[in-house]
C-alpha atoms as a PDB file:
ATOM      1  CA  MET A   1     135.816-143.337 -76.397  1.00  0.00           C
ATOM      2  CA  ASN A   2     133.762-140.222 -75.660  1.00  0.00           C
ATOM      3  CA  ALA A   3     133.910-137.480 -78.262  1.00  0.00           C
ATOM      4  CA  VAL A   4     134.974-134.048 -77.050  1.00  0.00           C
ATOM      5  CA  PRO A   5     132.057-131.637 -77.494  1.00  0.00           C
ATOM      6  CA  PRO A   6     132.673-128.763 -79.901  1.00  0.00           C
ATOM      7  CA  HIS A   7     132.699-126.384 -76.941  1.00  0.00           C
ATOM      8  CA  ALA A   8     134.448-128.282 -74.152  1.00  0.00           C
ATOM      9  CA  SER A   9     135.053-124.898 -72.485  1.00  0.00           C
ATOM     10  CA  ALA A  10     132.705-122.011 -71.858  1.00  0.00           C
ATOM     11  CA  VAL A  11     132.598-118.534 -70.373  1.00  0.00           C
ATOM     12  CA  VAL A  12     129.654-117.451 -68.257  1.00  0.00           C
ATOM     13  CA  LEU A  13     129.206-113.700 -68.012  1.00  0.00           C
ATOM     14  CA  PHE A  14     127.587-113.213 -64.611  1.00  0.00           C
ATOM     15  CA  GLY A  15     125.582-110.095 -63.765  1.00  0.00           C
ATOM     16  CA  HIS A  16     123.351-108.894 -60.981  1.00  0.00           C
ATOM     17  CA  GLY A  17     120.135-108.718 -62.996  1.00  0.00           C
ATOM     18  CA  ALA A  18     117.332-106.164 -62.895  1.00  0.00           C
ATOM     19  CA  ARG A  19     113.571-106.042 -63.247  1.00  0.00           C
ATOM     20  CA  ASP A  20     113.942-104.215 -66.566  1.00  0.00           C
ATOM     21  CA  PRO A  21     115.107-106.782 -69.150  1.00  0.00           C
ATOM     22  CA  GLU A  22     116.808-104.028 -71.173  1.00  0.00           C
ATOM     23  CA  TRP A  23     119.359-103.834 -68.358  1.00  0.00           C
ATOM     24  CA  ALA A  24     120.990-106.969 -69.812  1.00  0.00           C
ATOM     25  CA  GLY A  25     121.691-105.221 -73.149  1.00  0.00           C
ATOM     26  CA  PRO A  26     125.368-104.460 -72.483  1.00  0.00           C
ATOM     27  CA  MET A  27     126.001-108.032 -71.358  1.00  0.00           C
ATOM     28  CA  GLN A  28     124.302-109.321 -74.502  1.00  0.00           C
ATOM     29  CA  ARG A  29     126.572-107.057 -76.563  1.00  0.00           C
ATOM     30  CA  ILE A  30     129.673-108.354 -74.765  1.00  0.00           C
ATOM     31  CA  ARG A  31     128.525-111.908 -75.484  1.00  0.00           C
ATOM     32  CA  ALA A  32     127.914-111.103 -79.158  1.00  0.00           C
ATOM     33  CA  ARG A  33     131.385-109.559 -79.501  1.00  0.00           C
ATOM     34  CA  MET A  34     132.970-112.610 -77.942  1.00  0.00           C
ATOM     35  CA  LEU A  35     131.049-114.970 -80.198  1.00  0.00           C
ATOM     36  CA  ALA A  36     132.041-112.973 -83.303  1.00  0.00           C
ATOM     37  CA  ALA A  37     135.724-113.789 -82.741  1.00  0.00           C
ATOM     38  CA  PRO A  38     137.260-116.678 -84.675  1.00  0.00           C
ATOM     39  CA  GLU A  39     137.272-119.886 -82.635  1.00  0.00           C
ATOM     40  CA  ALA A  40     135.154-118.262 -79.933  1.00  0.00           C
ATOM     41  CA  PRO A  41     134.362-120.327 -76.865  1.00  0.00           C
ATOM     42  CA  ARG A  42     130.790-120.988 -75.914  1.00  0.00           C
ATOM     43  CA  VAL A  43     129.539-117.908 -74.036  1.00  0.00           C
ATOM     44  CA  GLU A  44     126.445-117.767 -71.849  1.00  0.00           C
ATOM     45  CA  LEU A  45     124.871-115.173 -69.581  1.00  0.00           C
ATOM     46  CA  ALA A  46     123.708-115.787 -66.016  1.00  0.00           C
ATOM     47  CA  PHE A  47     122.220-113.560 -63.354  1.00  0.00           C
ATOM     48  CA  LEU A  48     121.947-113.352 -59.589  1.00  0.00           C
ATOM     49  CA  GLU A  49     118.318-112.259 -59.601  1.00  0.00           C
ATOM     50  CA  PHE A  50     115.362-111.024 -61.667  1.00  0.00           C
ATOM     51  CA  ILE A  51     116.629-112.344 -65.044  1.00  0.00           C
ATOM     52  CA  ARG A  52     117.159-115.959 -66.032  1.00  0.00           C
ATOM     53  CA  PRO A  53     119.065-118.103 -66.223  1.00  0.00           C
ATOM     54  CA  THR A  54     120.567-118.111 -62.764  1.00  0.00           C
ATOM     55  CA  LEU A  55     124.191-119.160 -62.450  1.00  0.00           C
ATOM     56  CA  PRO A  56     123.317-122.684 -61.249  1.00  0.00           C
ATOM     57  CA  GLU A  57     120.903-123.067 -64.181  1.00  0.00           C
ATOM     58  CA  ALA A  58     123.485-121.898 -66.727  1.00  0.00           C
ATOM     59  CA  ILE A  59     126.202-124.167 -65.344  1.00  0.00           C
ATOM     60  CA  ALA A  60     123.842-127.146 -65.208  1.00  0.00           C
ATOM     61  CA  GLU A  61     122.945-126.606 -68.879  1.00  0.00           C
ATOM     62  CA  LEU A  62     126.616-126.360 -69.851  1.00  0.00           C
ATOM     63  CA  ALA A  63     127.556-129.472 -67.878  1.00  0.00           C
ATOM     64  CA  ALA A  64     124.660-131.394 -69.459  1.00  0.00           C
ATOM     65  CA  ALA A  65     125.960-130.346 -72.890  1.00  0.00           C
ATOM     66  CA  GLY A  66     129.358-131.846 -72.114  1.00  0.00           C
ATOM     67  CA  VAL A  67     131.236-128.677 -71.206  1.00  0.00           C
ATOM     68  CA  ARG A  68     134.021-129.581 -68.785  1.00  0.00           C
ATOM     69  CA  ARG A  69     135.606-126.192 -68.099  1.00  0.00           C
ATOM     70  CA  VAL A  70     133.632-123.071 -67.160  1.00  0.00           C
ATOM     71  CA  ALA A  71     135.103-119.650 -66.425  1.00  0.00           C
ATOM     72  CA  VAL A  72     132.644-117.451 -64.545  1.00  0.00           C
ATOM     73  CA  VAL A  73     133.336-113.771 -65.236  1.00  0.00           C
ATOM     74  CA  PRO A  74     131.485-111.331 -62.967  1.00  0.00           C
ATOM     75  CA  VAL A  75     130.439-108.308 -65.019  1.00  0.00           C
ATOM     76  CA  PHE A  76     130.588-106.001 -62.001  1.00  0.00           C
ATOM     77  CA  LEU A  77     132.753-102.922 -61.450  1.00  0.00           C
ATOM     78  CA  ALA A  78     134.089-104.097 -58.094  1.00  0.00           C
ATOM     79  CA  GLN A  79     134.009-106.810 -55.439  1.00  0.00           C
ATOM     80  CA  GLY A  80     130.959-105.922 -53.362  1.00  0.00           C
ATOM     81  CA  GLY A  81     128.839-108.052 -51.060  1.00  0.00           C
ATOM     82  CA  HIS A  82     127.325-110.161 -53.811  1.00  0.00           C
ATOM     83  CA  LEU A  83     130.750-111.110 -55.151  1.00  0.00           C
ATOM     84  CA  LYS A  84     132.232-111.681 -51.711  1.00  0.00           C
ATOM     85  CA  ARG A  85     129.372-113.734 -50.235  1.00  0.00           C
ATOM     86  CA  ASP A  86     126.693-114.808 -52.707  1.00  0.00           C
ATOM     87  CA  LEU A  87     128.799-115.711 -55.734  1.00  0.00           C
ATOM     88  CA  PRO A  88     131.322-117.956 -53.923  1.00  0.00           C
ATOM     89  CA  ALA A  89     128.407-119.914 -52.420  1.00  0.00           C
ATOM     90  CA  LEU A  90     126.829-120.341 -55.865  1.00  0.00           C
ATOM     91  CA  ILE A  91     130.168-121.452 -57.335  1.00  0.00           C
ATOM     92  CA  GLU A  92     130.759-123.991 -54.561  1.00  0.00           C
ATOM     93  CA  SER A  93     127.237-125.383 -54.908  1.00  0.00           C
ATOM     94  CA  SER A  94     127.712-125.738 -58.671  1.00  0.00           C
ATOM     95  CA  ARG A  95     131.064-127.464 -58.167  1.00  0.00           C
ATOM     96  CA  ARG A  96     129.419-130.014 -55.863  1.00  0.00           C
ATOM     97  CA  ALA A  97     126.551-130.537 -58.321  1.00  0.00           C
ATOM     98  CA  HIS A  98     128.895-130.970 -61.324  1.00  0.00           C
ATOM     99  CA  PRO A  99     132.160-132.497 -60.082  1.00  0.00           C
ATOM    100  CA  ALA A 100     133.290-133.415 -63.613  1.00  0.00           C
ATOM    101  CA  CYS A 101     133.187-129.744 -64.603  1.00  0.00           C
ATOM    102  CA  ARG A 102     136.075-127.454 -63.631  1.00  0.00           C
ATOM    103  CA  ILE A 103     134.492-124.142 -62.598  1.00  0.00           C
ATOM    104  CA  THR A 104     136.757-121.149 -62.071  1.00  0.00           C
ATOM    105  CA  LEU A 105     135.871-117.680 -60.832  1.00  0.00           C
ATOM    106  CA  SER A 106     137.517-114.595 -62.310  1.00  0.00           C
ATOM    107  CA  MET A 107     137.839-111.235 -60.593  1.00  0.00           C
ATOM    108  CA  ALA A 108     135.196-108.584 -61.208  1.00  0.00           C
ATOM    109  CA  ALA A 109     135.581-107.341 -64.780  1.00  0.00           C
ATOM    110  CA  GLY A 110     135.768-103.737 -63.590  1.00  0.00           C
ATOM    111  CA  GLU A 111     138.928-104.510 -61.623  1.00  0.00           C
ATOM    112  CA  ALA A 112     140.848-105.749 -64.686  1.00  0.00           C
ATOM    113  CA  ASP A 113     143.485-103.292 -65.907  1.00  0.00           C
ATOM    114  CA  GLU A 114     142.161-103.472 -69.477  1.00  0.00           C
ATOM    115  CA  VAL A 115     138.674-102.479 -68.339  1.00  0.00           C
ATOM    116  CA  VAL A 116     139.966 -99.657 -66.117  1.00  0.00           C
ATOM    117  CA  ASP A 117     141.987 -98.363 -69.091  1.00  0.00           C
ATOM    118  CA  ALA A 118     138.943 -98.549 -71.388  1.00  0.00           C
ATOM    119  CA  ILE A 119     136.732 -96.662 -68.919  1.00  0.00           C
ATOM    120  CA  ALA A 120     139.432 -94.034 -68.351  1.00  0.00           C
ATOM    121  CA  GLY A 121     139.759 -93.555 -72.125  1.00  0.00           C
ATOM    122  CA  TYR A 122     135.993 -93.278 -72.501  1.00  0.00           C
ATOM    123  CA  ALA A 123     135.775 -90.717 -69.688  1.00  0.00           C
ATOM    124  CA  ARG A 124     138.635 -88.682 -71.200  1.00  0.00           C
ATOM    125  CA  ASN A 125     136.815 -88.651 -74.551  1.00  0.00           C
ATOM    126  CA  CYS A 126     133.646 -87.298 -72.937  1.00  0.00           C
ATOM    127  CA  LEU A 127     135.306 -83.865 -72.948  1.00  0.00           C
ATOM    128  CA  ASP A 128     135.449 -83.859 -76.775  1.00  0.00           C
END
C-alpha cells in the first residue's frame, strides 16, 4: 500500500512575474502567512514569465513529490488576457502531463469578495 505523502494537497500561488525579483515579495509574504497557519497545506509560487518556477515546473515538482490535488490560485486583480488564454492552456497541459494529479483553477484573487473587502478597507484607512 502506498503511503499518503504529508502534503497530499497543495496550493500554487500563480503570478505574472517581473524582471525585478523584488516584485515577488508580496506573493512570498502571502505564502509565508499561509504556511504559518496550523496544519497548513503545501504552498508554492509559480510565475508566467521572468521568474521561476513556471507553473508547469511547479506542478511537475509537486506531482513528483506525491501531491495529488493542486489548487492554482491566480494572484491577479482581475481576469485579463493572461488568465483567459494563457493560464487555461498551462492548466490543461499540466493536467495531461500529470493525469494522477487533480488540478483545479480558482478565480483571480482580486475578484474574491474577501479581497475586495480588504482592499476597500485599506483604501478607506488611507485617509487617516
